[in-house]
Amino acid sequence: SPEGRLDPYDPPLTARGFQQAHELGLRLQEENITQIYSSPFI
């Protein structure tokens, strides 16, 4: 795809990946997290 040819080494999430990430957030709601750090990949 145009996006894939532009940056093949930095793919985004799929729709399922976004849902998984949202559910991860719900799982962590009661864990008193104060800071989130992320790798620089999309």
PDB file of all heavy atoms in Angstrom:
ATOM      1  N   SER A   1       0.846  -1.193   0.000  1.00  0.00           N
ATOM      2  CA  SER A   1       0.000   0.000   0.000  1.00  0.00           C
ATOM      3  C   SER A   1       0.882   1.244   0.000  1.00  0.00           C
ATOM      4  O   SER A   1       2.074   1.176   0.314  1.00  0.00           O
ATOM      5  CB  SER A   1      -0.907   0.007   1.231  1.00  0.00           C
ATOM      6  OG  SER A   1      -0.138   0.231   2.405  1.00  0.00           O
ATOM      7  N   PRO A   2       0.323   2.424  -0.340  1.00  0.00           N
ATOM      8  CA  PRO A   2       1.137   3.654  -0.279  1.00  0.00           C
ATOM      9  C   PRO A   2       1.774   3.864   1.091  1.00  0.00           C
ATOM     10  O   PRO A   2       2.942   4.251   1.190  1.00  0.00           O
ATOM     11  CB  PRO A   2       0.124   4.749  -0.615  1.00  0.00           C
ATOM     12  CG  PRO A   2      -0.899   4.063  -1.465  1.00  0.00           C
ATOM     13  CD  PRO A   2      -1.020   2.670  -0.905  1.00  0.00           C
ATOM     14  N   GLU A   3       1.027   3.614   2.165  1.00  0.00           N
ATOM     15  CA  GLU A   3       1.565   3.781   3.516  1.00  0.00           C
ATOM     16  C   GLU A   3       2.690   2.793   3.770  1.00  0.00           C
ATOM     17  O   GLU A   3       3.729   3.140   4.349  1.00  0.00           O
ATOM     18  CB  GLU A   3       0.456   3.593   4.545  1.00  0.00           C
ATOM     19  CG  GLU A   3       0.903   3.826   5.984  1.00  0.00           C
ATOM     20  CD  GLU A   3      -0.212   3.598   6.993  1.00  0.00           C
ATOM     21  OE1 GLU A   3      -1.247   3.017   6.620  1.00  0.00           O
ATOM     22  OE2 GLU A   3      -0.034   3.983   8.156  1.00  0.00           O
ATOM     23  N   GLY A   4       2.489   1.553   3.334  1.00  0.00           N
ATOM     24  CA  GLY A   4       3.504   0.528   3.552  1.00  0.00           C
ATOM     25  C   GLY A   4       4.769   0.789   2.766  1.00  0.00           C
ATOM     26  O   GLY A   4       5.881   0.564   3.263  1.00  0.00           O
ATOM     27  N   ARG A   5       4.639   1.278   1.545  1.00  0.00           N
ATOM     28  CA  ARG A   5       5.824   1.588   0.745  1.00  0.00           C
ATOM     29  C   ARG A   5       6.563   2.800   1.294  1.00  0.00           C
ATOM     30  O   ARG A   5       7.789   2.887   1.196  1.00  0.00           O
ATOM     31  CB  ARG A   5       5.426   1.815  -0.716  1.00  0.00           C
ATOM     32  CG  ARG A   5       4.956   0.554  -1.436  1.00  0.00           C
ATOM     33  CD  ARG A   5       4.930   0.756  -2.938  1.00  0.00           C
ATOM     34  NE  ARG A   5       4.007   1.822  -3.320  1.00  0.00           N
ATOM     35  CZ  ARG A   5       2.720   1.634  -3.604  1.00  0.00           C
ATOM     36  NH1 ARG A   5       2.208   0.401  -3.536  1.00  0.00           N
ATOM     37  NH2 ARG A   5       1.945   2.631  -3.949  1.00  0.00           N
ATOM     38  N   LEU A   6       5.820   3.738   1.890  1.00  0.00           N
ATOM     39  CA  LEU A   6       6.439   4.944   2.419  1.00  0.00           C
ATOM     40  C   LEU A   6       7.314   4.643   3.631  1.00  0.00           C
ATOM     41  O   LEU A   6       8.424   5.173   3.764  1.00  0.00           O
ATOM     42  CB  LEU A   6       5.353   5.958   2.806  1.00  0.00           C
ATOM     43  CG  LEU A   6       5.835   7.292   3.382  1.00  0.00           C
ATOM     44  CD1 LEU A   6       6.634   8.063   2.337  1.00  0.00           C
ATOM     45  CD2 LEU A   6       4.654   8.109   3.877  1.00  0.00           C
ATOM     46  N   ASP A   7       6.838   3.779   4.527  1.00  0.00           N
ATOM     47  CA  ASP A   7       7.599   3.491   5.746  1.00  0.00           C
ATOM     48  C   ASP A   7       7.356   2.034   6.152  1.00  0.00           C
ATOM     49  O   ASP A   7       6.607   1.749   7.083  1.00  0.00           O
ATOM     50  CB  ASP A   7       7.183   4.432   6.872  1.00  0.00           C
ATOM     51  CG  ASP A   7       8.222   4.500   7.988  1.00  0.00           C
ATOM     52  OD1 ASP A   7       9.153   3.665   7.975  1.00  0.00           O
ATOM     53  OD2 ASP A   7       8.111   5.378   8.852  1.00  0.00           O
ATOM     54  N   PRO A   8       7.980   1.096   5.443  1.00  0.00           N
ATOM     55  CA  PRO A   8       7.689  -0.326   5.679  1.00  0.00           C
ATOM     56  C   PRO A   8       8.124  -0.831   7.049  1.00  0.00           C
ATOM     57  O   PRO A   8       7.656  -1.877   7.490  1.00  0.00           O
ATOM     58  CB  PRO A   8       8.483  -1.028   4.564  1.00  0.00           C
ATOM     59  CG  PRO A   8       9.598  -0.073   4.234  1.00  0.00           C
ATOM     60  CD  PRO A   8       9.002   1.291   4.398  1.00  0.00           C
ATOM     61  N   TYR A   9       9.003  -0.107   7.729  1.00  0.00           N
ATOM     62  CA  TYR A   9       9.530  -0.580   9.007  1.00  0.00           C
ATOM     63  C   TYR A   9       8.759  -0.048  10.217  1.00  0.00           C
ATOM     64  O   TYR A   9       9.117  -0.348  11.351  1.00  0.00           O
ATOM     65  CB  TYR A   9      10.997  -0.184   9.155  1.00  0.00           C
ATOM     66  CG  TYR A   9      11.933  -0.890   8.206  1.00  0.00           C
ATOM     67  CD1 TYR A   9      13.166  -0.336   7.881  1.00  0.00           C
ATOM     68  CD2 TYR A   9      11.589  -2.118   7.632  1.00  0.00           C
ATOM     69  CE1 TYR A   9      14.040  -0.975   7.020  1.00  0.00           C
ATOM     70  CE2 TYR A   9      12.454  -2.752   6.758  1.00  0.00           C
ATOM     71  CZ  TYR A   9      13.675  -2.182   6.455  1.00  0.00           C
ATOM     72  OH  TYR A   9      14.534  -2.818   5.598  1.00  0.00           O
ATOM     73  N   ASP A  10       7.730   0.740   9.964  1.00  0.00           N
ATOM     74  CA  ASP A  10       7.014   1.336  11.094  1.00  0.00           C
ATOM     75  C   ASP A  10       5.501   1.214  10.891  1.00  0.00           C
ATOM     76  O   ASP A  10       4.790   2.221  10.788  1.00  0.00           O
ATOM     77  CB  ASP A  10       7.417   2.810  11.244  1.00  0.00           C
ATOM     78  CG  ASP A  10       7.087   3.365  12.625  1.00  0.00           C
ATOM     79  OD1 ASP A  10       6.698   2.580  13.506  1.00  0.00           O
ATOM     80  OD2 ASP A  10       7.220   4.586  12.811  1.00  0.00           O
ATOM     81  N   PRO A  11       4.984  -0.014  10.858  1.00  0.00           N
ATOM     82  CA  PRO A  11       3.556  -0.209  10.589  1.00  0.00           C
ATOM     83  C   PRO A  11       2.688   0.249  11.759  1.00  0.00           C
ATOM     84  O   PRO A  11       3.105   0.193  12.913  1.00  0.00           O
ATOM     85  CB  PRO A  11       3.439  -1.724  10.388  1.00  0.00           C
ATOM     86  CG  PRO A  11       4.558  -2.283  11.212  1.00  0.00           C
ATOM     87  CD  PRO A  11       5.685  -1.293  11.066  1.00  0.00           C
ATOM     88  N   PRO A  12       1.454   0.672  11.454  1.00  0.00           N
ATOM     89  CA  PRO A  12       0.526   1.061  12.513  1.00  0.00           C
ATOM     90  C   PRO A  12      -0.220  -0.153  13.057  1.00  0.00           C
ATOM     91  O   PRO A  12      -0.010  -1.298  12.620  1.00  0.00           O
ATOM     92  CB  PRO A  12      -0.437   1.994  11.785  1.00  0.00           C
ATOM     93  CG  PRO A  12      -0.506   1.391  10.401  1.00  0.00           C
ATOM     94  CD  PRO A  12       0.893   0.895  10.119  1.00  0.00           C
ATOM     95  N   LEU A  13      -1.112   0.104  13.995  1.00  0.00           N
ATOM     96  CA  LEU A  13      -2.010  -0.931  14.489  1.00  0.00           C
ATOM     97  C   LEU A  13      -3.125  -1.195  13.483  1.00  0.00           C
ATOM     98  O   LEU A  13      -3.520  -0.317  12.716  1.00  0.00           O
ATOM     99  CB  LEU A  13      -2.653  -0.498  15.808  1.00  0.00           C
ATOM    100  CG  LEU A  13      -1.758  -0.283  17.025  1.00  0.00           C
ATOM    101  CD1 LEU A  13      -2.620   0.131  18.216  1.00  0.00           C
ATOM    102  CD2 LEU A  13      -0.942  -1.510  17.352  1.00  0.00           C
ATOM    103  N   THR A  14      -3.660  -2.399  13.536  1.00  0.00           N
ATOM    104  CA  THR A  14      -4.903  -2.705  12.840  1.00  0.00           C
ATOM    105  C   THR A  14      -6.075  -2.248  13.705  1.00  0.00           C
ATOM    106  O   THR A  14      -5.900  -1.835  14.859  1.00  0.00           O
ATOM    107  CB  THR A  14      -5.030  -4.212  12.616  1.00  0.00           C
ATOM    108  OG1 THR A  14      -5.090  -4.868  13.908  1.00  0.00           O
ATOM    109  CG2 THR A  14      -3.838  -4.772  11.838  1.00  0.00           C
ATOM    110  N   ALA A  15      -7.283  -2.359  13.160  1.00  0.00           N
ATOM    111  CA  ALA A  15      -8.473  -2.058  13.959  1.00  0.00           C
ATOM    112  C   ALA A  15      -8.527  -2.970  15.184  1.00  0.00           C
ATOM    113  O   ALA A  15      -8.884  -2.530  16.289  1.00  0.00           O
ATOM    114  CB  ALA A  15      -9.733  -2.222  13.110  1.00  0.00           C
ATOM    115  N   ARG A  16      -8.150  -4.227  15.004  1.00  0.00           N
ATOM    116  CA  ARG A  16      -8.112  -5.142  16.147  1.00  0.00           C
ATOM    117  C   ARG A  16      -7.055  -4.691  17.154  1.00  0.00           C
ATOM    118  O   ARG A  16      -7.272  -4.776  18.370  1.00  0.00           O
ATOM    119  CB  ARG A  16      -7.799  -6.563  15.679  1.00  0.00           C
ATOM    120  CG  ARG A  16      -7.633  -7.557  16.820  1.00  0.00           C
ATOM    121  CD  ARG A  16      -7.319  -8.954  16.315  1.00  0.00           C
ATOM    122  NE  ARG A  16      -8.463  -9.531  15.640  1.00  0.00           N
ATOM    123  CZ  ARG A  16      -8.502 -10.790  15.190  1.00  0.00           C
ATOM    124  NH1 ARG A  16      -7.449 -11.587  15.323  1.00  0.00           N
ATOM    125  NH2 ARG A  16      -9.580 -11.242  14.588  1.00  0.00           N
ATOM    126  N   GLY A  17      -5.925  -4.199  16.666  1.00  0.00           N
ATOM    127  CA  GLY A  17      -4.885  -3.715  17.560  1.00  0.00           C
ATOM    128  C   GLY A  17      -5.351  -2.543  18.401  1.00  0.00           C
ATOM    129  O   GLY A  17      -5.033  -2.452  19.602  1.00  0.00           O
ATOM    130  N   PHE A  18      -6.125  -1.624  17.800  1.00  0.00           N
ATOM    131  CA  PHE A  18      -6.666  -0.500  18.568  1.00  0.00           C
ATOM    132  C   PHE A  18      -7.633  -1.000  19.644  1.00  0.00           C
ATOM    133  O   PHE A  18      -7.631  -0.488  20.773  1.00  0.00           O
ATOM    134  CB  PHE A  18      -7.387   0.479  17.641  1.00  0.00           C
ATOM    135  CG  PHE A  18      -6.473   1.470  16.979  1.00  0.00           C
ATOM    136  CD1 PHE A  18      -6.116   1.328  15.653  1.00  0.00           C
ATOM    137  CD2 PHE A  18      -5.963   2.556  17.686  1.00  0.00           C
ATOM    138  CE1 PHE A  18      -5.273   2.243  15.033  1.00  0.00           C
ATOM    139  CE2 PHE A  18      -5.122   3.477  17.084  1.00  0.00           C
ATOM    140  CZ  PHE A  18      -4.774   3.316  15.751  1.00  0.00           C
ATOM    141  N   GLN A  19      -8.443  -2.000  19.303  1.00  0.00           N
ATOM    142  CA  GLN A  19      -9.360  -2.555  20.297  1.00  0.00           C
ATOM    143  C   GLN A  19      -8.598  -3.218  21.432  1.00  0.00           C
ATOM    144  O   GLN A  19      -8.931  -3.048  22.618  1.00  0.00           O
ATOM    145  CB  GLN A  19     -10.311  -3.562  19.642  1.00  0.00           C
ATOM    146  CG  GLN A  19     -11.286  -4.246  20.587  1.00  0.00           C
ATOM    147  CD  GLN A  19     -12.269  -3.283  21.233  1.00  0.00           C
ATOM    148  OE1 GLN A  19     -12.564  -2.224  20.667  1.00  0.00           O
ATOM    149  NE2 GLN A  19     -12.773  -3.629  22.403  1.00  0.00           N
ATOM    150  N   GLN A  20      -7.558  -3.972  21.098  1.00  0.00           N
ATOM    151  CA  GLN A  20      -6.729  -4.599  22.138  1.00  0.00           C
ATOM    152  C   GLN A  20      -6.124  -3.537  23.056  1.00  0.00           C
ATOM    153  O   GLN A  20      -6.097  -3.707  24.278  1.00  0.00           O
ATOM    154  CB  GLN A  20      -5.615  -5.412  21.473  1.00  0.00           C
ATOM    155  CG  GLN A  20      -6.102  -6.657  20.746  1.00  0.00           C
ATOM    156  CD  GLN A  20      -5.009  -7.283  19.879  1.00  0.00           C
ATOM    157  OE1 GLN A  20      -4.121  -6.593  19.389  1.00  0.00           O
ATOM    158  NE2 GLN A  20      -5.094  -8.586  19.677  1.00  0.00           N
ATOM    159  N   ALA A  21      -5.637  -2.449  22.471  1.00  0.00           N
ATOM    160  CA  ALA A  21      -5.017  -1.395  23.265  1.00  0.00           C
ATOM    161  C   ALA A  21      -6.036  -0.724  24.188  1.00  0.00           C
ATOM    162  O   ALA A  21      -5.727  -0.404  25.344  1.00  0.00           O
ATOM    163  CB  ALA A  21      -4.378  -0.362  22.336  1.00  0.00           C
ATOM    164  N   HIS A  22      -7.241  -0.509  23.687  1.00  0.00           N
ATOM    165  CA  HIS A  22      -8.283   0.076  24.527  1.00  0.00           C
ATOM    166  C   HIS A  22      -8.604  -0.848  25.701  1.00  0.00           C
ATOM    167  O   HIS A  22      -8.749  -0.387  26.851  1.00  0.00           O
ATOM    168  CB  HIS A  22      -9.539   0.334  23.696  1.00  0.00           C
ATOM    169  CG  HIS A  22     -10.687   0.872  24.487  1.00  0.00           C
ATOM    170  ND1 HIS A  22     -10.725   2.161  24.986  1.00  0.00           N
ATOM    171  CD2 HIS A  22     -11.848   0.279  24.898  1.00  0.00           C
ATOM    172  CE1 HIS A  22     -11.844   2.348  25.646  1.00  0.00           C
ATOM    173  NE2 HIS A  22     -12.542   1.228  25.619  1.00  0.00           N
ATOM    174  N   GLU A  23      -8.696  -2.134  25.436  1.00  0.00           N
ATOM    175  CA  GLU A  23      -8.992  -3.095  26.505  1.00  0.00           C
ATOM    176  C   GLU A  23      -7.842  -3.176  27.507  1.00  0.00           C
ATOM    177  O   GLU A  23      -8.077  -3.395  28.705  1.00  0.00           O
ATOM    178  CB  GLU A  23      -9.304  -4.458  25.903  1.00  0.00           C
ATOM    179  CG  GLU A  23     -10.633  -4.466  25.152  1.00  0.00           C
ATOM    180  CD  GLU A  23     -10.886  -5.738  24.375  1.00  0.00           C
ATOM    181  OE1 GLU A  23      -9.955  -6.555  24.198  1.00  0.00           O
ATOM    182  OE2 GLU A  23     -12.032  -5.925  23.929  1.00  0.00           O
ATOM    183  N   LEU A  24      -6.617  -2.993  27.034  1.00  0.00           N
ATOM    184  CA  LEU A  24      -5.478  -2.913  27.949  1.00  0.00           C
ATOM    185  C   LEU A  24      -5.656  -1.728  28.894  1.00  0.00           C
ATOM    186  O   LEU A  24      -5.422  -1.845  30.104  1.00  0.00           O
ATOM    187  CB  LEU A  24      -4.182  -2.778  27.155  1.00  0.00           C
ATOM    188  CG  LEU A  24      -2.900  -2.544  27.954  1.00  0.00           C
ATOM    189  CD1 LEU A  24      -2.598  -3.720  28.874  1.00  0.00           C
ATOM    190  CD2 LEU A  24      -1.719  -2.292  27.010  1.00  0.00           C
ATOM    191  N   GLY A  25      -6.085  -0.603  28.361  1.00  0.00           N
ATOM    192  CA  GLY A  25      -6.345   0.551  29.214  1.00  0.00           C
ATOM    193  C   GLY A  25      -7.409   0.282  30.255  1.00  0.00           C
ATOM    194  O   GLY A  25      -7.259   0.652  31.435  1.00  0.00           O
ATOM    195  N   LEU A  26      -8.488  -0.385  29.854  1.00  0.00           N
ATOM    196  CA  LEU A  26      -9.538  -0.730  30.808  1.00  0.00           C
ATOM    197  C   LEU A  26      -9.004  -1.657  31.897  1.00  0.00           C
ATOM    198  O   LEU A  26      -9.343  -1.510  33.077  1.00  0.00           O
ATOM    199  CB  LEU A  26     -10.711  -1.400  30.080  1.00  0.00           C
ATOM    200  CG  LEU A  26     -11.462  -0.538  29.054  1.00  0.00           C
ATOM    201  CD1 LEU A  26     -12.546  -1.362  28.383  1.00  0.00           C
ATOM    202  CD2 LEU A  26     -12.050   0.705  29.706  1.00  0.00           C
ATOM    203  N   ARG A  27      -8.142  -2.596  31.506  1.00  0.00           N
ATOM    204  CA  ARG A  27      -7.557  -3.527  32.480  1.00  0.00           C
ATOM    205  C   ARG A  27      -6.725  -2.785  33.524  1.00  0.00           C
ATOM    206  O   ARG A  27      -6.646  -3.200  34.696  1.00  0.00           O
ATOM    207  CB  ARG A  27      -6.703  -4.558  31.739  1.00  0.00           C
ATOM    208  CG  ARG A  27      -5.680  -5.326  32.551  1.00  0.00           C
ATOM    209  CD  ARG A  27      -6.290  -6.211  33.614  1.00  0.00           C
ATOM    210  NE  ARG A  27      -5.269  -6.915  34.363  1.00  0.00           N
ATOM    211  CZ  ARG A  27      -4.567  -6.403  35.370  1.00  0.00           C
ATOM    212  NH1 ARG A  27      -4.794  -5.152  35.774  1.00  0.00           N
ATOM    213  NH2 ARG A  27      -3.649  -7.124  35.996  1.00  0.00           N
ATOM    214  N   LEU A  28      -6.115  -1.674  33.130  1.00  0.00           N
ATOM    215  CA  LEU A  28      -5.180  -0.968  34.010  1.00  0.00           C
ATOM    216  C   LEU A  28      -5.832   0.155  34.821  1.00  0.00           C
ATOM    217  O   LEU A  28      -5.145   0.850  35.569  1.00  0.00           O
ATOM    218  CB  LEU A  28      -4.037  -0.391  33.171  1.00  0.00           C
ATOM    219  CG  LEU A  28      -3.092  -1.434  32.556  1.00  0.00           C
ATOM    220  CD1 LEU A  28      -2.174  -0.787  31.532  1.00  0.00           C
ATOM    221  CD2 LEU A  28      -2.284  -2.145  33.628  1.00  0.00           C
ATOM    222  N   GLN A  29      -7.133   0.311  34.712  1.00  0.00           N
ATOM    223  CA  GLN A  29      -7.800   1.434  35.376  1.00  0.00           C
ATOM    224  C   GLN A  29      -7.612   1.474  36.885  1.00  0.00           C
ATOM    225  O   GLN A  29      -7.568   2.543  37.478  1.00  0.00           O
ATOM    226  CB  GLN A  29      -9.296   1.407  35.059  1.00  0.00           C
ATOM    227  CG  GLN A  29      -9.654   2.024  33.719  1.00  0.00           C
ATOM    228  CD  GLN A  29     -11.147   2.049  33.497  1.00  0.00           C
ATOM    229  OE1 GLN A  29     -11.830   1.033  33.594  1.00  0.00           O
ATOM    230  NE2 GLN A  29     -11.680   3.223  33.190  1.00  0.00           N
ATOM    231  N   GLU A  30      -7.514   0.323  37.514  1.00  0.00           N
ATOM    232  CA  GLU A  30      -7.436   0.289  38.979  1.00  0.00           C
ATOM    233  C   GLU A  30      -6.011   0.085  39.499  1.00  0.00           C
ATOM    234  O   GLU A  30      -5.819  -0.233  40.677  1.00  0.00           O
ATOM    235  CB  GLU A  30      -8.339  -0.838  39.517  1.00  0.00           C
ATOM    236  CG  GLU A  30      -9.791  -0.764  39.064  1.00  0.00           C
ATOM    237  CD  GLU A  30     -10.450   0.558  39.438  1.00  0.00           C
ATOM    238  OE1 GLU A  30     -10.194   1.044  40.557  1.00  0.00           O
ATOM    239  OE2 GLU A  30     -11.215   1.102  38.616  1.00  0.00           O
ATOM    240  N   GLU A  31      -5.009   0.277  38.647  1.00  0.00           N
ATOM    241  CA  GLU A  31      -3.630  -0.025  39.037  1.00  0.00           C
ATOM    242  C   GLU A  31      -2.842   1.201  39.485  1.00  0.00           C
ATOM    243  O   GLU A  31      -1.637   1.107  39.721  1.00  0.00           O
ATOM    244  CB  GLU A  31      -2.891  -0.720  37.890  1.00  0.00           C
ATOM    245  CG  GLU A  31      -3.518  -2.036  37.438  1.00  0.00           C
ATOM    246  CD  GLU A  31      -3.481  -3.126  38.503  1.00  0.00           C
ATOM    247  OE1 GLU A  31      -2.860  -2.913  39.578  1.00  0.00           O
ATOM    248  OE2 GLU A  31      -4.051  -4.195  38.264  1.00  0.00           O
ATOM    249  N   ASN A  32      -3.474   2.350  39.584  1.00  0.00           N
ATOM    250  CA  ASN A  32      -2.818   3.572  40.071  1.00  0.00           C
ATOM    251  C   ASN A  32      -1.559   3.924  39.287  1.00  0.00           C
ATOM    252  O   ASN A  32      -0.533   4.319  39.866  1.00  0.00           O
ATOM    253  CB  ASN A  32      -2.486   3.434  41.559  1.00  0.00           C
ATOM    254  CG  ASN A  32      -3.731   3.267  42.410  1.00  0.00           C
ATOM    255  OD1 ASN A  32      -4.725   3.960  42.202  1.00  0.00           O
ATOM    256  ND2 ASN A  32      -3.685   2.323  43.346  1.00  0.00           N
ATOM    257  N   ILE A  33      -1.623   3.790  37.988  1.00  0.00           N
ATOM    258  CA  ILE A  33      -0.482   4.142  37.141  1.00  0.00           C
ATOM    259  C   ILE A  33      -0.405   5.658  37.013  1.00  0.00           C
ATOM    260  O   ILE A  33      -1.401   6.336  36.780  1.00  0.00           O
ATOM    261  CB  ILE A  33      -0.624   3.464  35.764  1.00  0.00           C
ATOM    262  CG1 ILE A  33      -0.377   1.961  35.913  1.00  0.00           C
ATOM    263  CG2 ILE A  33       0.342   4.073  34.746  1.00  0.00           C
ATOM    264  CD1 ILE A  33      -0.678   1.162  34.687  1.00  0.00           C
ATOM    265  N   THR A  34       0.812   6.184  37.177  1.00  0.00           N
ATOM    266  CA  THR A  34       1.009   7.630  37.119  1.00  0.00           C
ATOM    267  C   THR A  34       1.794   8.083  35.889  1.00  0.00           C
ATOM    268  O   THR A  34       1.757   9.264  35.547  1.00  0.00           O
ATOM    269  CB  THR A  34       1.743   8.122  38.376  1.00  0.00           C
ATOM    270  OG1 THR A  34       3.009   7.454  38.463  1.00  0.00           O
ATOM    271  CG2 THR A  34       0.929   7.836  39.635  1.00  0.00           C
ATOM    272  N   GLN A  35       2.532   7.158  35.254  1.00  0.00           N
ATOM    273  CA  GLN A  35       3.354   7.522  34.104  1.00  0.00           C
ATOM    274  C   GLN A  35       3.251   6.417  33.044  1.00  0.00           C
ATOM    275  O   GLN A  35       3.263   5.228  33.379  1.00  0.00           O
ATOM    276  CB  GLN A  35       4.826   7.681  34.491  1.00  0.00           C
ATOM    277  CG  GLN A  35       5.109   8.677  35.602  1.00  0.00           C
ATOM    278  CD  GLN A  35       5.035  10.118  35.143  1.00  0.00           C
ATOM    279  OE1 GLN A  35       5.066  10.402  33.943  1.00  0.00           O
ATOM    280  NE2 GLN A  35       4.930  11.037  36.094  1.00  0.00           N
ATOM    281  N   ILE A  36       3.183   6.822  31.784  1.00  0.00           N
ATOM    282  CA  ILE A  36       3.210   5.889  30.663  1.00  0.00           C
ATOM    283  C   ILE A  36       4.387   6.249  29.770  1.00  0.00           C
ATOM    284  O   ILE A  36       4.512   7.404  29.331  1.00  0.00           O
ATOM    285  CB  ILE A  36       1.915   5.928  29.842  1.00  0.00           C
ATOM    286  CG1 ILE A  36       0.703   5.566  30.709  1.00  0.00           C
ATOM    287  CG2 ILE A  36       2.006   4.973  28.640  1.00  0.00           C
ATOM    288  CD1 ILE A  36      -0.628   5.729  29.991  1.00  0.00           C
ATOM    289  N   TYR A  37       5.234   5.278  29.500  1.00  0.00           N
ATOM    290  CA  TYR A  37       6.346   5.450  28.570  1.00  0.00           C
ATOM    291  C   TYR A  37       6.141   4.519  27.376  1.00  0.00           C
ATOM    292  O   TYR A  37       5.654   3.406  27.523  1.00  0.00           O
ATOM    293  CB  TYR A  37       7.677   5.099  29.244  1.00  0.00           C
ATOM    294  CG  TYR A  37       8.165   6.121  30.241  1.00  0.00           C
ATOM    295  CD1 TYR A  37       7.766   6.069  31.571  1.00  0.00           C
ATOM    296  CD2 TYR A  37       9.043   7.140  29.855  1.00  0.00           C
ATOM    297  CE1 TYR A  37       8.218   7.012  32.490  1.00  0.00           C
ATOM    298  CE2 TYR A  37       9.503   8.071  30.771  1.00  0.00           C
ATOM    299  CZ  TYR A  37       9.086   8.005  32.078  1.00  0.00           C
ATOM    300  OH  TYR A  37       9.541   8.933  32.986  1.00  0.00           O
ATOM    301  N   SER A  38       6.557   4.992  26.204  1.00  0.00           N
ATOM    302  CA  SER A  38       6.383   4.190  24.996  1.00  0.00           C
ATOM    303  C   SER A  38       7.634   4.216  24.135  1.00  0.00           C
ATOM    304  O   SER A  38       8.331   5.239  24.044  1.00  0.00           O
ATOM    305  CB  SER A  38       5.199   4.717  24.173  1.00  0.00           C
ATOM    306  OG  SER A  38       5.119   4.059  22.915  1.00  0.00           O
ATOM    307  N   SER A  39       7.876   3.108  23.468  1.00  0.00           N
ATOM    308  CA  SER A  39       8.839   3.057  22.376  1.00  0.00           C
ATOM    309  C   SER A  39       8.420   4.077  21.312  1.00  0.00           C
ATOM    310  O   SER A  39       7.249   4.415  21.182  1.00  0.00           O
ATOM    311  CB  SER A  39       8.817   1.637  21.790  1.00  0.00           C
ATOM    312  OG  SER A  39       9.215   1.624  20.436  1.00  0.00           O
ATOM    313  N   PRO A  40       9.361   4.576  20.505  1.00  0.00           N
ATOM    314  CA  PRO A  40       9.031   5.598  19.507  1.00  0.00           C
ATOM    315  C   PRO A  40       8.341   5.081  18.252  1.00  0.00           C
ATOM    316  O   PRO A  40       7.971   5.880  17.382  1.00  0.00           O
ATOM    317  CB  PRO A  40      10.395   6.202  19.163  1.00  0.00           C
ATOM    318  CG  PRO A  40      11.366   5.092  19.415  1.00  0.00           C
ATOM    319  CD  PRO A  40      10.814   4.355  20.601  1.00  0.00           C
ATOM    320  N   PHE A  41       8.156   3.765  18.101  1.00  0.00           N
ATOM    321  CA  PHE A  41       7.476   3.235  16.923  1.00  0.00           C
ATOM    322  C   PHE A  41       5.988   3.589  16.956  1.00  0.00           C
ATOM    323  O   PHE A  41       5.375   3.703  18.031  1.00  0.00           O
ATOM    324  CB  PHE A  41       7.652   1.720  16.841  1.00  0.00           C
ATOM    325  CG  PHE A  41       9.012   1.281  16.369  1.00  0.00           C
ATOM    326  CD1 PHE A  41      10.088   1.250  17.240  1.00  0.00           C
ATOM    327  CD2 PHE A  41       9.220   0.900  15.051  1.00  0.00           C
ATOM    328  CE1 PHE A  41      11.344   0.841  16.814  1.00  0.00           C
ATOM    329  CE2 PHE A  41      10.469   0.492  14.608  1.00  0.00           C
ATOM    330  CZ  PHE A  41      11.540   0.463  15.492  1.00  0.00           C
ATOM    331  N   ILE A  42       5.383   3.739  15.785  1.00  0.00           N
ATOM    332  CA  ILE A  42       3.977   4.136  15.696  1.00  0.00           C
ATOM    333  C   ILE A  42       3.065   3.147  16.404  1.00  0.00           C
ATOM    334  O   ILE A  42       2.135   3.533  17.134  1.00  0.00           O
ATOM    335  CB  ILE A  42       3.553   4.292  14.222  1.00  0.00           C
ATOM    336  CG1 ILE A  42       4.236   5.511  13.594  1.00  0.00           C
ATOM    337  CG2 ILE A  42       2.032   4.408  14.090  1.00  0.00           C
ATOM    338  CD1 ILE A  42       3.822   6.828  14.220  1.00  0.00           C
TER     339      ILE A  42
END
